[in-house]
Protein backbone atom coordinates (compact mmCIF):
# COMPACT_ATOMS: atom_id res chain seq x y z
CA MET A 1 137.92 -4.24 37.36
CA SER A 2 138.11 -2.02 40.21
CA THR A 3 135.83 0.40 42.03
CA ALA A 4 138.22 2.62 43.01
CA LEU A 5 137.85 5.45 40.61
CA LYS A 6 140.60 8.10 39.08
CA THR A 7 140.28 11.16 37.51
CA VAL A 8 141.52 11.97 33.89
CA ALA A 9 141.59 15.12 32.03
CA PHE A 10 142.59 15.80 28.44
CA LYS A 11 141.72 18.30 25.25
CA MET A 12 140.97 17.93 22.10
CA ARG A 13 140.03 20.81 19.56
CA ILE A 14 137.42 20.74 17.23
CA ASN A 15 137.35 22.91 13.60
CA GLU A 16 136.14 26.22 13.28
CA GLY A 17 132.47 26.92 13.15
CA ALA A 18 131.61 23.23 14.28
CA GLN A 19 130.44 24.41 17.83
CA ALA A 20 127.20 24.18 17.33
CA GLU A 21 127.27 20.47 15.58
CA TYR A 22 129.40 19.30 18.42
CA LYS A 23 126.75 20.05 20.89
CA LYS A 24 124.22 18.71 18.63
CA ARG A 25 125.68 15.29 18.40
CA HIS A 26 126.50 14.90 21.56
CA ASP A 27 123.01 15.85 22.73
CA GLU A 28 122.00 12.74 20.75
CA ILE A 29 124.90 10.47 21.95
CA TRP A 30 124.27 7.07 20.58
CA PRO A 31 122.49 4.89 22.93
CA GLU A 32 125.26 2.10 22.22
CA LEU A 33 128.01 4.19 23.13
CA SER A 34 126.60 5.28 26.59
CA THR A 35 126.59 1.95 27.66
CA LEU A 36 130.06 1.18 26.18
CA LEU A 37 131.32 3.61 27.95
CA LYS A 38 129.41 3.24 31.47
CA ASP A 39 130.20 -0.52 30.96
CA ALA A 40 133.94 0.49 30.77
CA GLY A 41 133.18 1.98 34.24
CA ILE A 42 133.66 6.00 32.82
CA CYS A 43 131.11 8.11 34.88
CA GLU A 44 130.70 12.06 35.14
CA TYR A 45 132.72 12.54 32.14
CA ARG A 46 132.26 16.24 31.06
CA ILE A 47 133.36 17.69 28.32
CA PHE A 48 133.53 21.71 28.30
CA LEU A 49 134.38 24.58 25.47
CA ASP A 50 136.74 27.74 25.30
CA GLU A 51 135.10 29.26 22.60
CA GLN A 52 138.29 31.45 22.11
CA THR A 53 140.59 28.76 21.09
CA ARG A 54 137.99 25.75 20.20
CA ILE A 55 139.59 23.56 23.05
CA LEU A 56 137.36 20.66 24.14
CA PHE A 57 138.38 20.13 27.82
CA ALA A 58 137.24 17.05 29.08
CA ILE A 59 137.11 15.46 32.41
CA MET A 60 135.86 12.21 33.56
CA GLN A 61 135.93 9.72 36.66
CA CYS A 62 136.99 6.12 35.88
CA PRO A 63 138.13 2.64 37.36
CA VAL A 64 142.41 3.15 38.65
CA ASP A 65 142.82 0.02 36.49
CA PHE A 66 141.05 1.67 33.01
CA ASP A 67 142.22 0.45 29.81
CA GLY A 68 141.88 2.79 27.07
CA ASP A 69 143.37 1.08 24.51
CA LYS A 70 140.33 -1.80 25.34
CA LEU A 71 137.64 0.71 24.37
CA ALA A 72 139.05 2.01 21.41
CA ALA A 73 139.31 -1.22 19.90
CA GLN A 74 135.18 -1.59 20.43
CA PRO A 75 133.34 -0.99 17.23
CA VAL A 76 131.00 1.46 18.07
CA MET A 77 133.81 3.43 19.21
CA LYS A 78 135.10 3.82 15.67
CA LYS A 79 132.14 4.15 14.31
CA TRP A 80 131.85 7.17 16.47
CA TRP A 81 135.25 8.75 16.16
CA ASP A 82 134.14 8.23 12.00
CA PHE A 83 131.04 10.32 12.66
CA MET A 84 133.03 12.63 14.45
CA ALA A 85 136.18 13.05 12.36
CA ASP A 86 134.23 15.78 9.82
CA ILE A 87 134.01 18.62 13.19
CA MET A 88 137.19 17.69 15.46
CA GLU A 89 141.09 17.01 14.86
CA VAL A 90 141.78 13.29 14.58
CA HIS A 91 144.70 11.06 13.33
CA ASP A 92 144.48 9.16 10.39
CA THR A 93 142.33 6.42 11.88
CA ASN A 94 139.73 9.09 12.92
CA GLU A 95 140.67 8.57 16.94
CA PRO A 96 140.31 12.18 17.63
CA ILE A 97 143.98 14.35 18.84
CA SER A 98 143.64 14.10 22.28
CA HIS A 99 146.44 15.85 25.30
CA PRO A 100 146.54 14.14 28.83
CA LEU A 101 146.23 17.10 31.23
CA THR A 102 148.08 17.01 34.23
CA ASP A 103 147.01 17.51 37.72
CA MET A 104 148.11 20.28 39.51
CA PHE A 105 145.88 21.17 42.56
CA TYR A 106 142.72 19.81 43.81
CA MET A 107 140.19 21.33 46.90
CA PRO A 108 138.14 18.30 48.34
């Protein structure tokens, strides 16, 4: 895996009234999921919430050769999606519906 990093940003949406539960579940993130993300090279992963729209804005650093499909195929990732499906907008597979965001400006 490459040591060069890229920044990835995307958005998702949580269900109405699920803000506190979403926060609680992430505050108690499973150690095996955290390990999986770190082992995939993900670092500085942050998620913000727009309270008015319930849109989650996520930003993370990951290797330039990061393969999200490999991560999505992992059993613990699928288990997490199943766990989160009741409070988020998801696909039939329970994978969160996410939309990549375009990098428009960077100030180092």
